[in-house]
Amino acid sequence: MSAVELVAYVDALERRLTAQRGREHVLSPRDFARVRDWQRAGVPVARLLAAIDDAAREGEVLTSLAALVSRLAQRTPS
């Protein structure tokens, strides 16, 4: 995937996290690296957005995307 696609991928996640948290969210360098790895591995952004939504529905406040690692392992690919 290209750099433009990576930017769109990251932007979608930051927008969702901003909406969930009610304030602007910018990925930390560690979370950016994690997202870049997920994108390179072909993890669909929709799958990550769904995991963020699942966490929010369960009352979890994500301060790091590390919390999504176990959620992604539990989800079936979409």
C-alpha atoms as a PDB file:
ATOM      1  CA  MET A   1       0.000   0.000   0.000  1.00  0.00           C
ATOM      2  CA  SER A   2       1.093   3.517  -0.684  1.00  0.00           C
ATOM      3  CA  ALA A   3       1.844   6.349   1.723  1.00  0.00           C
ATOM      4  CA  VAL A   4      -1.449   7.973   0.702  1.00  0.00           C
ATOM      5  CA  GLU A   5      -3.327   4.805   1.662  1.00  0.00           C
ATOM      6  CA  LEU A   6      -1.505   4.691   5.007  1.00  0.00           C
ATOM      7  CA  VAL A   7      -2.482   8.300   5.715  1.00  0.00           C
ATOM      8  CA  ALA A   8      -6.135   7.508   4.933  1.00  0.00           C
ATOM      9  CA  TYR A   9      -5.970   4.401   7.174  1.00  0.00           C
ATOM     10  CA  VAL A  10      -4.470   6.375  10.076  1.00  0.00           C
ATOM     11  CA  ASP A  11      -6.878   9.269   9.537  1.00  0.00           C
ATOM     12  CA  ALA A  12      -9.904   6.969   9.738  1.00  0.00           C
ATOM     13  CA  LEU A  13      -8.692   5.555  13.051  1.00  0.00           C
ATOM     14  CA  GLU A  14      -7.849   8.961  14.522  1.00  0.00           C
ATOM     15  CA  ARG A  15     -11.278  10.305  13.514  1.00  0.00           C
ATOM     16  CA  ARG A  16     -13.043   7.345  15.155  1.00  0.00           C
ATOM     17  CA  LEU A  17     -10.967   7.669  18.323  1.00  0.00           C
ATOM     18  CA  THR A  18     -11.651  11.415  18.396  1.00  0.00           C
ATOM     19  CA  ALA A  19     -15.383  10.764  18.102  1.00  0.00           C
ATOM     20  CA  GLN A  20     -15.292   8.086  20.821  1.00  0.00           C
ATOM     21  CA  ARG A  21     -13.248  10.164  23.250  1.00  0.00           C
ATOM     22  CA  GLY A  22     -14.918  13.500  22.562  1.00  0.00           C
ATOM     23  CA  ARG A  23     -11.609  15.252  21.980  1.00  0.00           C
ATOM     24  CA  GLU A  24      -8.914  15.212  19.335  1.00  0.00           C
ATOM     25  CA  HIS A  25      -6.861  12.053  19.299  1.00  0.00           C
ATOM     26  CA  VAL A  26      -3.515  11.731  17.525  1.00  0.00           C
ATOM     27  CA  LEU A  27      -1.755   8.372  17.469  1.00  0.00           C
ATOM     28  CA  SER A  28       1.371   8.050  19.557  1.00  0.00           C
ATOM     29  CA  PRO A  29       4.524   6.925  17.732  1.00  0.00           C
ATOM     30  CA  ARG A  30       4.058   3.419  19.184  1.00  0.00           C
ATOM     31  CA  ASP A  31       0.412   3.266  18.055  1.00  0.00           C
ATOM     32  CA  PHE A  32       1.341   4.632  14.630  1.00  0.00           C
ATOM     33  CA  ALA A  33       3.901   1.841  14.223  1.00  0.00           C
ATOM     34  CA  ARG A  34       1.281  -0.709  15.306  1.00  0.00           C
ATOM     35  CA  VAL A  35      -1.235   0.695  12.788  1.00  0.00           C
ATOM     36  CA  ARG A  36       1.375   0.688  10.025  1.00  0.00           C
ATOM     37  CA  ASP A  37       2.087  -2.978  10.761  1.00  0.00           C
ATOM     38  CA  TRP A  38      -1.636  -3.817  10.711  1.00  0.00           C
ATOM     39  CA  GLN A  39      -2.056  -2.006   7.414  1.00  0.00           C
ATOM     40  CA  ARG A  40       0.946  -3.799   5.889  1.00  0.00           C
ATOM     41  CA  ALA A  41      -0.460  -7.122   7.121  1.00  0.00           C
ATOM     42  CA  GLY A  42      -3.715  -6.369   5.316  1.00  0.00           C
ATOM     43  CA  VAL A  43      -5.942  -5.878   8.369  1.00  0.00           C
ATOM     44  CA  PRO A  44      -8.996  -4.047   7.006  1.00  0.00           C
ATOM     45  CA  VAL A  45      -9.571  -0.634   8.553  1.00  0.00           C
ATOM     46  CA  ALA A  46     -13.232  -1.608   8.986  1.00  0.00           C
ATOM     47  CA  ARG A  47     -12.115  -4.402  11.313  1.00  0.00           C
ATOM     48  CA  LEU A  48     -10.159  -1.926  13.454  1.00  0.00           C
ATOM     49  CA  LEU A  49     -13.034   0.554  13.503  1.00  0.00           C
ATOM     50  CA  ALA A  50     -15.395  -2.212  14.630  1.00  0.00           C
ATOM     51  CA  ALA A  51     -12.988  -3.177  17.426  1.00  0.00           C
ATOM     52  CA  ILE A  52     -12.851   0.467  18.563  1.00  0.00           C
ATOM     53  CA  ASP A  53     -16.660   0.604  18.533  1.00  0.00           C
ATOM     54  CA  ASP A  54     -16.884  -2.675  20.485  1.00  0.00           C
ATOM     55  CA  ALA A  55     -14.547  -1.281  23.144  1.00  0.00           C
ATOM     56  CA  ALA A  56     -16.612   1.913  23.411  1.00  0.00           C
ATOM     57  CA  ARG A  57     -19.875  -0.050  23.746  1.00  0.00           C
ATOM     58  CA  GLU A  58     -18.303  -1.978  26.601  1.00  0.00           C
ATOM     59  CA  GLY A  59     -17.280   1.268  28.320  1.00  0.00           C
ATOM     60  CA  GLU A  60     -13.570   0.916  27.633  1.00  0.00           C
ATOM     61  CA  VAL A  61     -11.714   4.187  27.098  1.00  0.00           C
ATOM     62  CA  LEU A  62      -8.861   3.494  24.707  1.00  0.00           C
ATOM     63  CA  THR A  63      -5.703   5.361  25.587  1.00  0.00           C
ATOM     64  CA  SER A  64      -3.603   3.081  23.401  1.00  0.00           C
ATOM     65  CA  LEU A  65      -4.367   0.799  20.503  1.00  0.00           C
ATOM     66  CA  ALA A  66      -2.534  -1.956  22.366  1.00  0.00           C
ATOM     67  CA  ALA A  67      -5.922  -2.760  23.908  1.00  0.00           C
ATOM     68  CA  LEU A  68      -7.168  -3.734  20.457  1.00  0.00           C
ATOM     69  CA  VAL A  69      -4.627  -6.524  19.982  1.00  0.00           C
ATOM     70  CA  SER A  70      -6.644  -9.076  21.956  1.00  0.00           C
ATOM     71  CA  ARG A  71      -9.920  -7.812  20.452  1.00  0.00           C
ATOM     72  CA  LEU A  72      -8.567  -8.343  16.935  1.00  0.00           C
ATOM     73  CA  ALA A  73      -7.469 -11.852  17.802  1.00  0.00           C
ATOM     74  CA  GLN A  74     -11.031 -12.624  18.951  1.00  0.00           C
ATOM     75  CA  ARG A  75     -12.771 -11.115  15.887  1.00  0.00           C
ATOM     76  CA  THR A  76     -13.173 -13.038  12.707  1.00  0.00           C
ATOM     77  CA  PRO A  77     -11.819 -11.191   9.673  1.00  0.00           C
ATOM     78  CA  SER A  78     -14.405  -9.048   7.889  1.00  0.00           C
END
